């Protein structure tokens, strides 16, 4: 372990934000190896996939023997018209070729699924638990690929969040994402390396019986699995 990850290991205890998607699941796998995870948190803000995310997150946390808690934040769904919550709006369906159109289809998709200050809220709630439980880290599943259209995935955002937390927590809680500088294929490969329960992830904006395969999140997962050379890994 080198660089920031090595330095942060000294914090020892962590709270993990776990949506059950690829990035957060692999980040939990990393945290379980490198820190003492005291809690995994999942949020229900009325999103279409809430039931699936909560169910899968609970199973992933149980796989690692980590306490899991889900928190309802329904007010967040009440104040947004995002297609993730509003059933009268269609969730954008992308082709794989659209994923890198950061000034076109990918940006339009990001705008249509954007939830006001969602990551900011999640991090601050997690920081409350971290400080109360004597943990120095909030572990998140951000990534370089989506940071191109979701600014709250970026390293600049994490740096700014940590500056704020240095004032708002007495023990100086820090946000850290072990997947921050990786694209999705690299994250998938890391998951295989860590032995993460990839068959339990839910990377879909919908909450059906199976993942839809056509929303942006599903398309990114499918491409990552193929480009990582891990198509035989069951999902």
Foldseek 3Di string as FASTA:
>chain_A
DDDPLVVQLVLQEEEEEFQLALLSLLLVLVCLVRHHYAEYEYECQQFQARVLSQVLRVVLCVVSPHHYDYYYPPVQLVVDCAVRHPVVDDQDFDDLVCQQVLVPDNLVNCVRRDGPCVVVVVVVVRLVVCLVVSGQEYEYRAAPSCCSRVVCSAPVVQVVSQVVQCPVHPNSRGYDYPRSYPALLVSVLSCVVSVGPNQSGDQASHHDPHHPCTHSSNSSNVVSCVVNVNVVDHD
